[in-house]
Amino acid sequence: MGKRKKDGQSPVDEDRKQPGSIIVFDNSCFCRLASTYSVTCLYMTNKMDHAERLFRHHLTPSLRTMNCYDSAPEIYSSLLRYPQIISVILYSFSFKALLEKHDKNFDTFRKLLLWHTVGSFVSQMYFSFLALPVSYLPLPFYRCAGFLMYFNVPGVLVMNLELIFITHSALSIVELLRYRLEAARPDQSKFDPVKILIYLFRLNLIIIFLFLTGSTPHAIKKQSEYKTGLISSNLFLFNIVSCDNVFVFPPITDSQYLTMLCSICSVTTTTLFLVIISVITIPFRLHALKKTASKKTIEVQKMFFVSVVLQALINSLFFIFPVSEFLKYAFQKDSSESSFQFIYVLMPYHGTAATFVMICFTRPVREKIIGYFKCEWKNKVASRKNVSQTLG
């Protein structure tokens, strides 16, 4: 039976108090292995419940006292805001160069680049300062912790604006690809099958925009139901979930949520597909263009082609990861808070990365920006000479 402890309790009695253990009457190695195995199986079959218990254990006190206007975590908000100083400098030089560079052969492409850059800048400022979404997974909600929370903007509207900015970035990059594909086409009179895909893409974006704007009032009402259900099973969330700036992730059966996921998937897939088509077809188009165009024209087309494709790849890759995380959570309910916070850090900076690529690989813009520094350097040298001559 084994030795009894000082308080009179046997090892058997102690084992009986442990949930998931196997009751035996000896302390053999097999007993301990079986007990460990049973507990492990229990936790493996209830992985989500275990993660939620850990989450509640660590964060329940803070969620109980949290109010609608609490700031985002300092590290997270710092990552989204302080690096924007570099982004604003890049955008400022890009705007100045694109607005001042006037060239007949570059004019249409310049306007498209300006449109894309302005959209990226507005989207970046929205995510980093106005929305600043904070995730609380595995609990299915997130909160707008940016400046919009002070105006009690509904979480549904914040989410819809995020989706509109994502689709706008996709639209502008697709239009850049379309322009480059048309410019590299040797025979403009022939029908281009890529146009059908682009027209369908535009139609899809119009439908998404109309659907998001038209269904917002209904979605806000549904959010009240989802919030009530979440609070009823998690009473400690009442203070935070009842806020207007909180968005509760609906079930996958929700028509608007499902439509939103399908729309974002179609936009991302179409954009990536057009990038692949461009990478495959433009080299052949440029080769056919050699028969009618000069060598200089071919070089310019290659340069613009590389710039647009790299920007499109950056935009696609920066959106594929967030979309995959949303799908993973929507279908499996298995995602971590850290991964969601990471995608919210990642998404705004796609504009900075694309703008940097545009400056590096678009020669007219690059030369214009380099000219600013050269001009500034010459002015400094000239002023120093004037000062030295005056003193002399």
Protein backbone atom coordinates (compact mmCIF):
# COMPACT_ATOMS: atom_id res chain seq x y z
CA MET A 1 0.00 0.00 0.00
CA GLY A 2 2.97 2.35 0.48
CA LYS A 3 3.96 4.52 3.40
CA ARG A 4 1.46 7.00 4.74
CA LYS A 5 2.32 10.66 5.08
CA LYS A 6 2.57 12.42 8.41
CA ASP A 7 -0.94 13.85 8.14
CA GLY A 8 -2.39 10.39 7.64
CA GLN A 9 -3.09 10.77 3.91
CA SER A 10 -2.02 7.94 1.65
CA PRO A 11 -0.59 8.32 -1.85
CA VAL A 12 -3.75 6.68 -3.15
CA ASP A 13 -5.93 9.41 -1.61
CA GLU A 14 -3.64 12.02 -3.08
CA ASP A 15 -3.91 10.48 -6.54
CA ARG A 16 -7.68 10.35 -6.31
CA LYS A 17 -7.79 14.14 -6.01
CA GLN A 18 -5.95 14.65 -9.29
CA PRO A 19 -8.36 14.93 -12.28
CA GLY A 20 -7.57 12.66 -15.15
CA SER A 21 -5.28 10.32 -13.15
CA ILE A 22 -5.61 6.54 -13.06
CA ILE A 23 -6.30 5.08 -9.62
CA VAL A 24 -3.79 2.37 -8.70
CA PHE A 25 -2.43 1.05 -5.45
CA ASP A 26 1.29 1.37 -6.08
CA ASN A 27 3.73 4.05 -7.09
CA SER A 28 5.11 2.29 -10.12
CA CYS A 29 6.55 4.10 -13.11
CA PHE A 30 3.66 2.84 -15.23
CA CYS A 31 1.19 4.60 -12.94
CA ARG A 32 2.89 7.97 -13.32
CA LEU A 33 3.23 7.62 -17.11
CA ALA A 34 -0.44 6.70 -17.48
CA SER A 35 -1.50 9.64 -15.33
CA THR A 36 0.61 12.05 -17.35
CA TYR A 37 -0.76 10.62 -20.61
CA SER A 38 -4.37 11.01 -19.51
CA VAL A 39 -3.84 14.64 -18.49
CA THR A 40 -2.06 15.34 -21.79
CA CYS A 41 -4.96 13.90 -23.77
CA LEU A 42 -7.39 16.00 -21.78
CA TYR A 43 -5.52 19.21 -22.66
CA MET A 44 -5.00 18.24 -26.30
CA THR A 45 -8.72 17.68 -26.79
CA ASN A 46 -9.53 20.99 -25.10
CA LYS A 47 -6.73 23.15 -26.55
CA MET A 48 -8.93 26.14 -27.24
CA ASP A 49 -10.52 25.99 -23.78
CA HIS A 50 -7.08 25.79 -22.20
CA ALA A 51 -5.86 28.80 -24.18
CA GLU A 52 -8.93 30.77 -23.17
CA ARG A 53 -8.44 29.80 -19.50
CA LEU A 54 -4.87 31.03 -19.62
CA PHE A 55 -6.02 34.23 -21.32
CA ARG A 56 -8.65 34.86 -18.68
CA HIS A 57 -6.21 34.10 -15.88
CA HIS A 58 -3.73 36.71 -17.08
CA LEU A 59 -5.94 39.38 -18.65
CA THR A 60 -9.32 39.13 -16.94
CA PRO A 61 -8.39 41.70 -14.27
CA SER A 62 -7.40 44.27 -16.89
CA LEU A 63 -10.47 43.58 -19.04
CA ARG A 64 -12.75 44.01 -16.03
CA THR A 65 -11.48 47.54 -15.44
CA MET A 66 -10.92 48.52 -19.08
CA ASN A 67 -13.13 51.24 -20.55
CA CYS A 68 -13.97 52.32 -24.08
CA TYR A 69 -11.28 54.99 -24.27
CA ASP A 70 -8.25 53.12 -22.91
CA SER A 71 -5.10 53.53 -24.98
CA ALA A 72 -3.59 50.71 -27.02
CA PRO A 73 -0.59 48.82 -25.56
CA GLU A 74 2.40 51.14 -25.61
CA ILE A 75 4.72 48.85 -27.59
CA TYR A 76 2.06 48.21 -30.23
CA SER A 77 1.11 51.86 -30.67
CA SER A 78 4.78 52.86 -30.79
CA LEU A 79 5.47 50.36 -33.58
CA LEU A 80 2.59 51.78 -35.57
CA ARG A 81 3.24 55.47 -34.98
CA TYR A 82 6.87 56.42 -34.41
CA PRO A 83 8.27 54.82 -37.62
CA GLN A 84 5.75 56.95 -39.53
CA ILE A 85 8.31 59.77 -39.36
CA ILE A 86 10.38 57.90 -41.96
CA SER A 87 7.24 57.10 -43.95
CA VAL A 88 6.14 60.76 -44.05
CA ILE A 89 9.60 61.80 -45.32
CA LEU A 90 9.43 59.20 -48.12
CA TYR A 91 5.89 60.20 -49.05
CA SER A 92 6.78 63.92 -49.03
CA PHE A 93 9.63 63.47 -51.49
CA SER A 94 7.47 61.18 -53.65
CA PHE A 95 4.57 63.65 -53.78
CA LYS A 96 6.89 66.53 -54.62
CA ALA A 97 8.67 64.59 -57.37
CA LEU A 98 5.46 63.24 -58.92
CA LEU A 99 3.77 66.65 -58.89
CA GLU A 100 6.74 68.53 -60.35
CA LYS A 101 7.91 65.98 -62.93
CA HIS A 102 6.24 66.93 -66.21
CA ASP A 103 7.05 64.73 -69.17
CA LYS A 104 4.75 63.91 -72.06
CA ASN A 105 5.78 60.24 -72.12
CA PHE A 106 5.56 59.94 -68.34
CA ASP A 107 2.40 61.96 -67.67
CA THR A 108 -0.28 59.23 -67.56
CA PHE A 109 1.90 56.82 -65.63
CA ARG A 110 2.87 59.65 -63.26
CA LYS A 111 -0.80 60.34 -62.46
CA LEU A 112 -1.43 56.65 -61.77
CA LEU A 113 1.61 56.50 -59.48
CA LEU A 114 0.43 59.64 -57.68
CA TRP A 115 -3.04 58.13 -57.21
CA HIS A 116 -1.56 54.91 -55.80
CA THR A 117 0.85 56.77 -53.50
CA VAL A 118 -1.84 59.10 -52.13
CA GLY A 119 -4.10 56.11 -51.46
CA SER A 120 -1.30 54.26 -49.66
CA PHE A 121 -0.54 57.31 -47.52
CA VAL A 122 -4.19 57.84 -46.50
CA SER A 123 -4.58 54.12 -45.76
CA GLN A 124 -1.42 54.11 -43.65
CA MET A 125 -2.49 57.11 -41.60
CA TYR A 126 -5.94 55.58 -41.10
CA PHE A 127 -4.61 52.26 -39.77
CA SER A 128 -1.91 53.84 -37.59
CA PHE A 129 -3.70 56.85 -36.10
CA LEU A 130 -7.47 56.74 -36.69
CA ALA A 131 -8.28 53.03 -36.32
CA LEU A 132 -5.33 51.49 -34.41
CA PRO A 133 -7.14 48.13 -34.00
CA VAL A 134 -6.24 46.07 -30.91
CA SER A 135 -6.93 42.31 -30.84
CA TYR A 136 -7.99 40.32 -27.76
CA LEU A 137 -7.86 36.78 -29.14
CA PRO A 138 -8.74 34.06 -28.34
CA LEU A 139 -11.77 36.11 -27.31
CA PRO A 140 -13.47 36.96 -30.64
CA PHE A 141 -13.38 40.76 -30.69
CA TYR A 142 -11.13 43.69 -31.39
CA ARG A 143 -11.28 47.34 -30.39
CA CYS A 144 -10.59 50.57 -32.25
CA ALA A 145 -8.02 52.35 -30.04
CA GLY A 146 -7.21 55.22 -32.42
CA PHE A 147 -8.63 58.73 -32.56
CA LEU A 148 -11.95 57.44 -33.93
CA MET A 149 -12.79 55.88 -30.56
CA TYR A 150 -13.25 59.36 -29.07
CA PHE A 151 -16.09 59.93 -31.56
CA ASN A 152 -17.78 56.58 -30.75
CA VAL A 153 -17.47 55.39 -34.35
CA PRO A 154 -19.03 51.89 -34.56
CA GLY A 155 -16.59 49.00 -34.86
CA VAL A 156 -18.41 47.76 -37.97
CA LEU A 157 -17.78 51.06 -39.74
CA VAL A 158 -14.11 50.98 -38.72
CA MET A 159 -13.79 47.46 -40.16
CA ASN A 160 -15.61 48.40 -43.38
CA LEU A 161 -13.32 51.38 -43.93
CA GLU A 162 -10.32 49.09 -43.48
CA LEU A 163 -11.69 46.81 -46.20
CA ILE A 164 -12.37 49.75 -48.51
CA PHE A 165 -8.77 50.95 -48.14
CA ILE A 166 -7.48 47.44 -48.87
CA THR A 167 -9.60 47.17 -52.02
CA HIS A 168 -8.56 50.68 -53.08
CA SER A 169 -4.88 49.71 -52.87
CA ALA A 170 -5.63 46.63 -54.95
CA LEU A 171 -7.52 48.72 -57.53
CA SER A 172 -4.72 51.27 -57.95
CA ILE A 173 -2.05 48.60 -58.35
CA VAL A 174 -4.21 46.71 -60.87
CA GLU A 175 -4.66 49.92 -62.89
CA LEU A 176 -0.88 50.38 -62.91
CA LEU A 177 -0.47 46.84 -64.20
CA ARG A 178 -3.16 47.41 -66.83
CA TYR A 179 -1.42 50.52 -68.09
CA ARG A 180 1.93 48.75 -68.35
CA LEU A 181 0.36 45.78 -70.15
CA GLU A 182 -1.31 48.06 -72.68
CA ALA A 183 1.83 50.14 -73.19
CA ALA A 184 3.85 47.00 -73.91
CA ARG A 185 1.33 45.62 -76.41
CA PRO A 186 2.71 45.76 -79.97
CA ASP A 187 -0.66 45.80 -81.76
CA GLN A 188 -3.15 48.08 -80.03
CA SER A 189 -5.94 47.12 -82.43
CA LYS A 190 -6.12 43.49 -81.27
CA PHE A 191 -8.37 42.53 -78.37
CA ASP A 192 -6.55 41.83 -75.12
CA PRO A 193 -8.16 39.03 -73.01
CA VAL A 194 -6.62 40.51 -69.85
CA LYS A 195 -9.12 43.38 -70.21
CA ILE A 196 -11.98 41.00 -69.36
CA LEU A 197 -10.33 40.12 -66.06
CA ILE A 198 -9.72 43.79 -65.27
CA TYR A 199 -13.34 44.71 -66.08
CA LEU A 200 -14.57 41.90 -63.82
CA PHE A 201 -12.20 43.11 -61.11
CA ARG A 202 -13.61 46.64 -61.33
CA LEU A 203 -17.17 45.29 -61.22
CA ASN A 204 -16.29 43.21 -58.16
CA LEU A 205 -14.93 46.29 -56.36
CA ILE A 206 -18.09 48.28 -57.15
CA ILE A 207 -20.24 45.46 -55.74
CA ILE A 208 -18.05 45.25 -52.61
CA PHE A 209 -18.31 48.99 -52.02
CA LEU A 210 -22.10 49.05 -52.49
CA PHE A 211 -22.53 45.98 -50.29
CA LEU A 212 -20.37 47.34 -47.46
CA THR A 213 -22.06 50.74 -47.44
CA GLY A 214 -25.58 49.35 -47.87
CA SER A 215 -25.32 46.62 -45.24
CA THR A 216 -23.62 48.71 -42.54
CA PRO A 217 -26.87 49.63 -40.64
CA HIS A 218 -27.94 45.97 -40.59
CA ALA A 219 -24.45 44.87 -39.50
CA ILE A 220 -24.50 47.35 -36.59
CA LYS A 221 -27.79 45.82 -35.37
CA LYS A 222 -26.34 42.31 -35.66
CA GLN A 223 -23.31 43.43 -33.65
CA SER A 224 -25.64 44.19 -30.74
CA GLU A 225 -26.80 40.55 -30.81
CA TYR A 226 -23.25 39.19 -31.00
CA LYS A 227 -22.12 41.45 -28.16
CA THR A 228 -25.03 40.32 -25.99
CA GLY A 229 -24.17 36.67 -26.65
CA LEU A 230 -20.48 37.20 -25.88
CA ILE A 231 -21.23 39.10 -22.65
CA SER A 232 -23.73 36.47 -21.47
CA SER A 233 -21.00 33.81 -21.55
CA ASN A 234 -18.24 36.15 -20.35
CA LEU A 235 -19.74 38.57 -17.83
CA PHE A 236 -16.35 40.11 -17.05
CA LEU A 237 -16.32 41.55 -20.61
CA PHE A 238 -19.34 43.79 -20.08
CA ASN A 239 -17.39 47.06 -19.68
CA ILE A 240 -15.31 46.63 -22.82
CA VAL A 241 -17.53 44.67 -25.25
CA SER A 242 -20.50 47.02 -24.78
CA CYS A 243 -18.43 49.89 -26.24
CA ASP A 244 -19.37 51.25 -29.67
CA ASN A 245 -15.79 51.02 -30.92
CA VAL A 246 -15.62 47.23 -30.36
CA PHE A 247 -16.14 44.80 -33.24
CA VAL A 248 -17.16 41.22 -32.40
CA PHE A 249 -16.17 38.68 -35.05
CA PRO A 250 -19.43 37.15 -36.34
CA PRO A 251 -19.87 33.41 -36.96
CA ILE A 252 -18.97 32.16 -40.41
CA THR A 253 -22.70 31.69 -41.11
CA ASP A 254 -23.25 35.46 -40.96
CA SER A 255 -24.07 36.53 -44.53
CA GLN A 256 -22.25 39.85 -44.45
CA TYR A 257 -19.14 38.41 -42.80
CA LEU A 258 -19.01 35.51 -45.28
CA THR A 259 -19.49 37.87 -48.22
CA MET A 260 -16.77 40.13 -46.87
CA LEU A 261 -14.31 37.22 -46.59
CA CYS A 262 -15.13 35.98 -50.09
CA SER A 263 -14.75 39.49 -51.51
CA ILE A 264 -11.36 40.07 -49.90
CA CYS A 265 -10.19 36.65 -51.08
CA SER A 266 -11.30 37.40 -54.64
CA VAL A 267 -9.59 40.81 -54.62
CA THR A 268 -6.32 39.40 -53.28
CA THR A 269 -6.39 36.40 -55.63
CA THR A 270 -7.17 38.51 -58.70
CA THR A 271 -4.41 41.00 -57.89
CA LEU A 272 -1.86 38.22 -57.44
CA PHE A 273 -3.08 36.52 -60.63
CA LEU A 274 -2.63 39.75 -62.61
CA VAL A 275 0.88 40.10 -61.19
CA ILE A 276 1.70 36.58 -62.40
CA ILE A 277 0.18 37.31 -65.83
CA SER A 278 2.23 40.50 -66.08
CA VAL A 279 5.46 38.75 -65.13
CA ILE A 280 4.83 36.05 -67.74
CA THR A 281 3.45 38.10 -70.65
CA ILE A 282 5.21 41.48 -70.54
CA PRO A 283 8.67 40.08 -71.48
CA PHE A 284 7.09 38.52 -74.59
CA ARG A 285 5.27 41.77 -75.36
CA LEU A 286 8.48 43.75 -75.02
CA HIS A 287 10.26 41.32 -77.32
CA ALA A 288 7.52 41.76 -79.94
CA LEU A 289 7.68 45.54 -79.43
CA LYS A 290 11.31 45.60 -80.60
CA LYS A 291 10.08 45.40 -84.20
CA THR A 292 8.36 48.80 -84.02
CA ALA A 293 9.92 50.66 -81.06
CA SER A 294 13.38 52.10 -80.47
CA LYS A 295 15.90 50.64 -78.06
CA LYS A 296 15.43 53.58 -75.67
CA THR A 297 11.66 53.01 -75.60
CA ILE A 298 12.19 49.34 -74.78
CA GLU A 299 14.53 50.24 -71.90
CA VAL A 300 12.01 52.71 -70.49
CA GLN A 301 9.24 50.11 -70.72
CA LYS A 302 11.43 47.56 -68.90
CA MET A 303 12.20 50.04 -66.15
CA PHE A 304 8.52 50.89 -65.60
CA PHE A 305 7.60 47.21 -65.78
CA VAL A 306 10.07 46.24 -63.02
CA SER A 307 8.87 49.13 -60.82
CA VAL A 308 5.18 48.23 -61.12
CA VAL A 309 5.65 44.48 -60.68
CA LEU A 310 7.73 44.95 -57.53
CA GLN A 311 5.14 47.34 -56.09
CA ALA A 312 2.37 44.89 -56.96
CA LEU A 313 4.24 41.99 -55.35
CA ILE A 314 4.76 43.99 -52.16
CA ASN A 315 1.07 44.93 -51.99
CA SER A 316 -0.01 41.34 -52.67
CA LEU A 317 2.33 39.79 -50.12
CA PHE A 318 1.46 42.34 -47.46
CA PHE A 319 -2.24 41.46 -47.91
CA ILE A 320 -1.95 37.68 -48.35
CA PHE A 321 -0.76 37.12 -44.79
CA PRO A 322 -3.53 39.19 -43.12
CA VAL A 323 -6.21 37.60 -45.29
CA SER A 324 -4.90 34.10 -44.50
CA GLU A 325 -4.99 34.90 -40.76
CA PHE A 326 -8.60 36.12 -41.02
CA LEU A 327 -9.58 32.95 -42.89
CA LYS A 328 -7.72 30.77 -40.41
CA TYR A 329 -9.59 32.32 -37.51
CA ALA A 330 -12.95 32.38 -39.33
CA PHE A 331 -12.91 28.65 -40.15
CA GLN A 332 -10.78 27.13 -37.38
CA LYS A 333 -11.08 29.67 -34.53
CA ASP A 334 -7.41 28.91 -33.96
CA SER A 335 -5.22 32.00 -34.00
CA SER A 336 -3.15 33.86 -31.45
CA GLU A 337 -3.38 37.44 -30.28
CA SER A 338 0.26 38.08 -31.21
CA SER A 339 -0.23 36.98 -34.83
CA PHE A 340 -3.26 39.25 -35.23
CA GLN A 341 -1.41 42.21 -33.72
CA PHE A 342 1.47 41.47 -36.08
CA ILE A 343 -0.74 41.66 -39.16
CA TYR A 344 -2.10 45.01 -37.99
CA VAL A 345 1.48 46.25 -37.70
CA LEU A 346 2.32 44.79 -41.10
CA MET A 347 -0.61 46.13 -43.11
CA PRO A 348 0.04 49.90 -42.86
CA TYR A 349 3.68 49.65 -43.90
CA HIS A 350 2.96 48.10 -47.29
CA GLY A 351 2.61 51.67 -48.56
CA THR A 352 6.02 52.68 -47.22
CA ALA A 353 7.66 49.61 -48.77
CA ALA A 354 5.94 50.17 -52.13
CA THR A 355 6.86 53.88 -52.13
CA PHE A 356 10.50 53.03 -51.42
CA VAL A 357 10.50 50.57 -54.33
CA MET A 358 8.89 53.18 -56.60
CA ILE A 359 11.62 55.71 -55.76
CA CYS A 360 14.40 53.18 -56.33
CA PHE A 361 13.14 51.66 -59.59
CA THR A 362 11.29 54.54 -61.29
CA ARG A 363 14.09 56.60 -62.84
CA PRO A 364 12.23 59.91 -63.39
CA VAL A 365 11.13 59.97 -59.74
CA ARG A 366 14.54 58.85 -58.49
CA GLU A 367 16.40 61.46 -60.54
CA LYS A 368 14.02 64.20 -59.41
CA ILE A 369 14.55 63.36 -55.72
CA ILE A 370 18.34 63.10 -56.15
CA GLY A 371 18.18 66.50 -57.85
CA TYR A 372 16.67 68.01 -54.71
CA PHE A 373 19.66 66.93 -52.64
CA LYS A 374 22.13 68.08 -55.30
CA CYS A 375 20.43 71.46 -55.52
CA GLU A 376 20.45 71.80 -51.74
CA TRP A 377 24.15 70.87 -51.64
CA LYS A 378 25.00 73.41 -54.35
CA ASN A 379 23.10 76.12 -52.49
CA LYS A 380 25.03 75.37 -49.31
CA VAL A 381 28.38 75.45 -51.15
CA ALA A 382 27.45 78.72 -52.87
CA SER A 383 26.38 80.32 -49.58
CA ARG A 384 29.65 79.27 -47.95
CA LYS A 385 31.62 80.83 -50.81
CA ASN A 386 29.66 84.06 -50.48
CA VAL A 387 30.32 84.14 -46.74
CA SER A 388 34.05 83.50 -47.22
CA GLN A 389 34.28 86.19 -49.93
CA THR A 390 32.45 88.67 -47.69
CA LEU A 391 34.75 87.94 -44.76
CA GLY A 392 37.81 88.08 -47.03
